[in-house]
Protein backbone atom coordinates (compact mmCIF):
# COMPACT_ATOMS: atom_id res chain seq x y z
CA MET A 1 -0.11 -0.03 0.03
CA VAL A 2 2.71 2.31 0.61
CA VAL A 3 4.67 1.78 -2.21
CA ARG A 4 1.29 1.92 -4.45
CA ALA A 5 0.72 5.24 -2.72
CA VAL A 6 4.28 6.62 -3.30
CA LEU A 7 4.33 5.76 -6.85
CA GLY A 8 0.78 7.15 -7.46
CA ALA A 9 1.46 10.59 -6.02
CA GLY A 10 4.87 10.80 -8.13
CA ALA A 11 2.89 9.46 -11.47
CA VAL A 12 0.05 11.94 -10.95
CA ALA A 13 2.38 14.84 -10.08
CA ALA A 14 4.39 14.12 -13.09
CA ALA A 15 1.63 13.62 -15.61
CA LEU A 16 -0.40 16.92 -14.74
CA GLY A 17 3.22 18.60 -14.50
CA ALA A 18 4.12 17.41 -17.81
CA VAL A 19 0.59 18.33 -19.30
CA GLY A 20 0.71 21.70 -17.54
CA ALA A 21 3.88 22.66 -18.72
CA GLY A 22 3.14 21.63 -22.27
CA ILE A 23 0.01 23.63 -22.25
CA SER A 24 1.94 26.88 -20.91
CA ARG A 25 5.27 26.52 -22.44
CA ARG A 26 5.38 29.99 -23.84
CA GLN A 27 3.68 31.39 -20.71
CA PRO A 28 6.31 31.03 -17.55
CA ALA A 29 3.70 32.06 -15.00
CA LEU A 30 1.09 29.53 -15.97
CA ALA A 31 3.62 26.84 -15.81
CA GLY A 32 4.45 27.86 -12.44
CA VAL A 33 1.05 27.74 -11.23
CA ALA A 34 0.62 23.83 -13.38
CA ALA A 35 3.87 22.91 -11.30
CA ILE A 36 2.13 23.67 -7.79
CA VAL A 37 -1.22 22.28 -8.92
CA ALA A 38 0.50 19.07 -10.08
CA PHE A 39 2.16 18.86 -6.70
CA VAL A 40 -1.15 19.30 -4.87
CA TRP A 41 -3.10 16.63 -6.98
CA GLY A 42 -0.19 14.14 -6.26
CA VAL A 43 -0.38 14.60 -2.63
CA VAL A 44 -4.39 14.24 -2.50
CA ALA A 45 -3.76 11.12 -4.93
CA GLY A 46 -1.14 9.79 -2.74
CA LEU A 47 -3.11 10.18 0.63
CA PHE A 48 -6.30 8.85 -1.09
CA LEU A 49 -4.17 5.52 -1.95
CA LEU A 50 -2.79 5.22 1.53
CA ARG A 51 -5.96 6.04 3.33
CA ALA A 52 -4.78 9.20 5.11
CA LEU A 53 -6.95 11.88 4.19
CA PRO A 54 -7.25 14.37 6.47
CA SER A 55 -10.69 15.03 8.63
CA LEU A 56 -12.62 17.99 7.81
CA PRO A 57 -12.64 20.16 10.25
CA PRO A 58 -9.38 19.19 11.06
CA THR A 59 -8.74 18.11 14.71
CA THR A 60 -5.11 17.06 14.92
CA GLY A 61 -1.76 18.57 14.30
CA LEU A 62 -1.30 16.42 11.35
CA ASP A 63 -4.79 17.61 9.68
CA ARG A 64 -3.97 20.80 10.46
CA PHE A 65 -0.57 20.75 8.72
CA LEU A 66 -2.48 19.07 5.73
CA VAL A 67 -5.43 21.45 5.46
CA ILE A 68 -4.27 24.74 6.81
CA LEU A 69 -0.54 25.21 6.47
CA LEU A 70 0.59 23.55 3.57
CA PRO A 71 -2.67 24.70 1.42
CA VAL A 72 -1.88 28.74 2.57
CA ALA A 73 1.48 28.40 1.79
CA LEU A 74 1.14 26.94 -1.96
CA ALA A 75 -1.66 29.60 -2.29
CA ILE A 76 1.06 32.22 -1.82
CA GLU A 77 3.54 30.42 -4.31
CA ALA A 78 1.00 30.15 -6.50
CA GLU A 79 0.13 33.75 -6.44
CA ALA A 80 4.08 34.63 -6.81
CA ALA A 81 4.47 32.36 -9.82
CA ALA A 82 1.74 34.13 -11.52
CA ASN A 83 3.08 37.29 -10.83
CA TRP A 84 0.08 38.67 -8.74
CA ILE A 85 2.02 39.42 -5.81
CA SER A 86 5.81 40.44 -5.18
CA GLY A 87 8.42 42.38 -3.32
CA PHE A 88 7.19 43.64 -0.10
CA TRP A 89 3.80 41.66 -0.03
CA LEU A 90 5.43 38.16 -0.89
CA THR A 91 8.08 39.02 1.77
CA ALA A 92 5.05 39.99 4.36
CA GLY A 93 2.96 36.99 3.24
CA ARG A 94 5.67 34.43 3.91
CA GLY A 95 6.57 36.15 7.12
CA CYS A 96 2.69 35.75 8.31
CA VAL A 97 2.56 32.19 7.48
CA ALA A 98 5.99 31.43 9.27
CA LEU A 99 4.75 33.38 12.33
CA LEU A 100 1.36 31.80 12.39
CA ALA A 101 2.68 28.01 11.41
CA VAL A 102 3.56 26.70 15.14
CA PRO A 103 0.28 28.13 16.84
CA VAL A 104 -1.79 26.55 14.42
CA LEU A 105 -0.07 23.22 14.07
CA LEU A 106 0.15 23.24 17.99
CA HIS A 107 -3.51 24.52 18.74
CA GLY A 108 -5.13 23.02 21.73
CA SER A 109 -2.22 21.08 23.12
CA VAL A 110 0.04 21.36 25.90
CA TRP A 111 2.62 23.18 23.96
CA LEU A 112 1.00 26.35 23.98
CA GLU A 113 -0.19 26.30 27.61
CA GLY A 114 3.20 27.11 29.13
CA GLU A 115 5.21 24.14 28.23
CA THR A 116 6.95 25.76 24.84
CA PRO A 117 8.36 29.38 25.86
CA ALA A 118 7.73 32.04 23.33
CA VAL A 119 11.17 32.47 22.17
CA VAL A 120 11.14 28.91 20.88
CA ILE A 121 7.97 29.36 18.82
CA LEU A 122 9.77 32.52 17.42
CA ALA A 123 13.15 31.17 16.61
CA ALA A 124 11.09 28.25 14.75
CA ALA A 125 9.08 31.18 13.01
CA LEU A 126 12.33 32.81 12.09
CA PHE A 127 13.83 29.92 10.74
CA LEU A 128 11.20 29.02 8.33
CA TRP A 129 10.63 32.29 7.12
CA ALA A 130 14.52 33.01 6.65
CA SER A 131 15.12 29.21 4.97
CA TRP A 132 11.84 29.99 2.70
CA GLU A 133 12.91 33.21 1.39
CA GLY A 134 16.52 32.98 1.20
CA ILE A 135 16.34 29.44 -0.40
CA THR A 136 13.65 30.23 -2.91
CA GLY A 137 14.91 33.35 -3.91
CA ASP A 138 18.28 31.82 -4.56
CA VAL A 139 16.26 29.01 -6.61
CA ARG A 140 14.68 31.49 -8.26
CA ALA A 141 17.55 33.60 -9.37
CA SER A 142 19.86 30.50 -10.07
CA GLY A 143 17.50 27.80 -11.17
CA ASP A 144 19.55 25.75 -9.02
CA ARG A 145 18.01 21.81 -8.57
CA VAL A 146 20.14 20.20 -5.85
CA VAL A 147 18.03 22.02 -3.07
CA ALA A 148 14.90 20.59 -4.29
CA LEU A 149 16.48 17.10 -4.84
CA MET A 150 17.74 17.46 -0.86
CA THR A 151 14.12 18.55 0.33
CA VAL A 152 12.78 15.35 -1.35
CA GLY A 153 15.31 13.09 0.50
CA ALA A 154 14.93 15.07 3.77
CA LEU A 155 11.25 14.32 3.63
CA VAL A 156 11.49 10.47 3.15
CA VAL A 157 14.32 10.56 6.14
CA ALA A 158 11.75 12.20 8.32
CA GLY A 159 8.84 9.99 7.35
CA LEU A 160 11.11 6.79 8.22
CA THR A 161 12.28 8.40 11.45
CA ILE A 162 8.81 9.38 12.63
CA ALA A 163 7.50 5.72 11.81
CA MET A 164 10.52 4.17 13.46
CA ALA A 165 9.83 6.28 16.76
CA GLY A 166 6.47 4.97 16.77
CA TRP A 167 4.10 7.12 15.08
CA LEU A 168 3.33 5.35 12.02
CA LYS A 169 0.56 7.48 10.44
CA GLY A 170 2.57 10.54 10.52
CA GLY A 171 5.76 8.90 9.15
CA LEU A 172 3.69 7.55 6.21
CA VAL A 173 2.14 10.37 5.33
CA ALA A 174 5.81 12.54 4.59
CA LEU A 175 6.04 9.41 1.74
CA PRO A 176 3.04 10.92 -0.68
CA LEU A 177 4.52 14.30 -0.15
CA ALA A 178 8.06 13.37 -1.31
CA GLY A 179 6.81 11.30 -3.81
CA ALA A 180 4.17 13.96 -5.52
CA LEU A 181 7.40 16.70 -4.87
CA ALA A 182 9.65 14.15 -6.88
CA GLY A 183 7.27 13.54 -9.60
CA ALA A 184 6.32 17.29 -10.21
CA ILE A 185 10.19 18.39 -10.12
CA LEU A 186 11.10 15.69 -12.83
CA ALA A 187 7.83 16.66 -14.99
CA GLU A 188 9.13 20.19 -14.60
CA TRP A 189 12.76 19.42 -15.78
CA GLY A 190 11.87 17.22 -18.18
CA GLY A 191 8.65 19.23 -20.00
CA GLY A 192 8.96 22.35 -18.95
CA PRO A 193 10.59 25.43 -20.56
CA THR A 194 13.99 26.61 -19.62
CA TRP A 195 15.80 29.72 -20.27
CA ARG A 196 18.14 31.46 -18.85
CA ARG A 197 17.64 34.90 -16.83
CA SER A 198 17.93 38.00 -19.10
CA GLY A 199 16.59 40.79 -16.29
CA PRO A 200 16.27 41.28 -12.63
CA GLY A 201 12.85 40.12 -12.41
CA GLU A 202 12.95 37.05 -14.32
CA VAL A 203 13.46 33.33 -13.70
CA GLY A 204 16.03 31.45 -14.48
CA GLY A 205 15.59 27.87 -15.21
CA THR A 206 12.25 26.19 -14.91
CA PRO A 207 9.53 28.47 -13.90
CA GLY A 208 8.03 26.01 -11.50
CA LEU A 209 10.87 25.17 -9.54
CA PRO A 210 10.93 28.11 -6.86
CA GLY A 211 7.28 27.13 -5.98
CA LEU A 212 8.27 23.23 -5.63
CA THR A 213 11.29 24.14 -3.75
CA ALA A 214 9.32 26.25 -1.40
CA ALA A 215 6.54 23.50 -0.88
CA GLY A 216 9.17 21.10 -0.16
CA LEU A 217 10.44 23.35 2.51
CA VAL A 218 7.24 24.40 4.34
CA ALA A 219 6.28 20.43 4.25
CA LEU A 220 9.30 19.61 5.79
CA PHE A 221 9.09 22.34 8.43
CA GLY A 222 5.17 21.59 9.36
CA LEU A 223 5.99 17.52 9.14
CA VAL A 224 8.89 17.60 11.44
CA VAL A 225 7.04 20.25 14.01
CA VAL A 226 4.39 17.98 14.26
CA GLY A 227 6.43 14.63 14.66
CA ARG A 228 8.71 16.34 17.23
CA CYS A 229 5.59 17.35 19.47
CA PHE A 230 3.51 14.19 18.71
CA GLY A 231 5.20 11.74 17.27
CA ARG A 232 8.47 10.85 19.82
CA LEU A 233 11.12 12.38 17.06
CA GLY A 234 13.85 13.73 18.76
CA SER A 235 15.06 17.36 18.94
CA ALA A 236 18.51 16.34 17.34
CA ALA A 237 17.16 14.81 14.97
CA ALA A 238 14.30 17.33 14.17
CA LEU A 239 17.24 19.79 13.59
CA LEU A 240 19.60 17.49 11.64
CA ILE A 241 16.84 16.91 8.81
CA LEU A 242 15.89 20.56 9.01
CA LEU A 243 19.74 21.81 8.28
CA ALA A 244 20.12 19.36 5.61
CA PRO A 245 18.60 21.47 2.30
CA LEU A 246 20.52 24.52 3.96
CA LEU A 247 23.48 22.71 3.69
CA ALA A 248 22.92 22.00 -0.03
CA VAL A 249 22.54 25.78 -0.76
CA LEU A 250 25.17 26.92 1.87
CA PRO A 251 28.61 26.00 -0.12
CA LEU A 252 26.82 27.57 -3.42
CA GLY A 253 26.66 31.01 -1.50
CA ILE A 254 30.27 30.72 0.14
CA GLY A 255 31.62 29.68 -3.75
CA ARG A 256 30.09 33.14 -5.03
CA MET A 257 31.95 35.06 -2.64
CA LEU A 258 35.50 33.49 -3.20
CA PRO A 259 37.84 34.12 -5.98
CA ASP A 260 37.42 31.82 -8.94
CA SER A 261 39.69 28.42 -8.24
CA ALA A 262 39.48 25.22 -7.36
CA GLY A 263 38.00 25.46 -4.12
CA GLN A 264 35.00 28.10 -5.37
CA ARG A 265 34.48 25.38 -8.26
CA LEU A 266 34.48 22.58 -5.39
CA LEU A 267 31.78 24.45 -3.50
CA ARG A 268 29.51 25.09 -6.31
CA SER A 269 29.73 21.37 -7.67
CA ALA A 270 26.63 19.91 -7.47
CA ARG A 271 27.92 16.58 -6.23
CA TYR A 272 29.67 18.24 -3.23
CA ARG A 273 26.62 19.61 -1.88
CA ILE A 274 24.56 16.61 -2.18
CA LEU A 275 27.06 14.63 -0.38
CA LEU A 276 27.42 17.41 2.24
CA ALA A 277 23.61 17.53 2.58
CA LEU A 278 23.64 13.66 2.93
CA VAL A 279 25.78 13.53 5.87
CA PRO A 280 23.01 14.59 8.55
CA LEU A 281 20.19 12.34 7.05
CA VAL A 282 22.51 9.39 7.17
CA ILE A 283 23.19 10.07 10.92
CA VAL A 284 19.50 10.31 11.59
CA VAL A 285 18.83 7.29 9.48
CA ILE A 286 21.47 5.34 11.37
CA VAL A 287 20.65 6.49 15.08
CA ALA A 288 17.00 5.96 14.47
CA LYS A 289 17.48 2.43 13.12
CA ALA A 290 19.93 1.44 16.18
CA ASP A 291 17.11 3.22 18.46
CA PHE A 292 14.56 1.19 16.55
CA ASP A 293 16.29 -2.40 16.75
CA THR A 294 17.39 -1.81 20.50
CA ARG A 295 13.25 -1.20 21.48
CA LEU A 296 11.89 -3.96 19.43
CA GLY A 297 14.57 -6.13 20.99
CA ARG A 298 13.86 -5.24 24.34
CA LEU A 299 10.11 -5.67 23.52
CA VAL A 300 10.88 -9.07 22.32
CA GLY A 301 13.01 -10.02 25.32
CA GLU A 302 9.96 -9.38 27.41
CA ILE A 303 8.29 -12.10 25.97
CA PRO A 304 10.01 -15.42 26.72
CA PRO A 305 9.66 -18.10 24.26
CA PRO A 306 7.72 -21.41 25.14
CA GLY A 307 9.87 -24.02 26.68
CA PRO A 308 9.76 -27.88 26.57
CA VAL A 309 8.18 -27.79 30.07
CA ALA A 310 5.34 -25.30 28.92
CA ALA A 311 4.82 -27.32 25.64
CA ASP A 312 4.41 -30.57 27.50
CA ALA A 313 1.60 -29.05 29.72
CA SER A 314 -0.13 -27.58 27.09
CA ALA A 315 -0.11 -30.99 25.59
CA GLY A 316 -1.31 -32.36 28.68
CA ALA A 317 -4.27 -29.92 28.87
CA ASP A 318 -5.10 -30.97 25.87
CA ARG A 319 -5.49 -34.58 26.30
CA PHE A 320 -7.69 -33.86 29.36
CA LYS A 321 -9.76 -31.70 27.46
CA LEU A 322 -10.32 -34.35 25.21
CA LEU A 323 -10.64 -36.95 27.86
CA ARG A 324 -13.31 -35.06 29.71
CA THR A 325 -15.26 -34.51 26.19
CA PRO A 326 -18.91 -35.66 26.35
CA GLY A 327 -19.04 -39.40 24.61
CA SER A 328 -15.47 -39.77 25.37
CA ALA A 329 -16.13 -42.70 27.66
CA SER A 330 -18.35 -44.72 24.82
CA ARG A 331 -15.69 -44.45 22.41
CA ARG A 332 -13.41 -45.71 24.96
CA ALA A 333 -15.42 -48.45 25.90
CA ARG A 334 -16.35 -49.56 22.15
CA SER A 335 -12.36 -49.52 21.41
């Protein structure tokens, strides 16, 4: 079922993304909106196949993530792709969503009743806004594809880690998100229009890539917050997962400030940045797998296997029941 949900999400997103890119090949704004629409329908298809569609009205943090936070962020990115909002209003819209993200996800829980300091909520909002604004702007200017790829990988690792920590549904929801994002990105690269940036306001690369990168970053943030607060995801693992996409773009910014040299070419290399971003994800998976094996071994150790004495006692009890069965005396007499 899980594989079918992931493949279904990716297939739907890829098909709709390719169709949308083909229709709007000469209109970059429509191509960007089509990529976001493809991602949305891919997620819906994956959750439907996984039988994990959110409830309406939303009652849990996971439902609020899927029904409120992610759709609002996608609506802002769709308006930005269509050039309906830009500049100050786009930055302000992203900031408002980032500021309200944690309160919306944790609404009605003990985390907002004094257990979580306000400075932690503000720090999380600042992290989301800075990464959302900075990385999306860089992708829009350069058309870099590495961050989007590493966001897909971070979503997969987040889902596996949350599932191994004990919250199966929350972990499985991450896989259709990753599948839909991967399908939409592949469709955008394969069928979308590509051109170089010729002006300060124009997009480099494929027009739907900035919106898809932003969708992946917001999805990753919301999933990690919900998994940390409701799904036994550790703080260190959550931080490492969120830092993975940043590690994919940080060397690129450093390389641009250095003079042309072998070091600059290394920092701007896609292969180097992918390997650097994979380091925290691999650490998270190894630690989560070791913890899962430890807990599973402890659980199995608490249930002793049946020994020879228990097996003999069980067989004796079965023979006693047979002798006490009505009609057994007459059968013995006849025999």
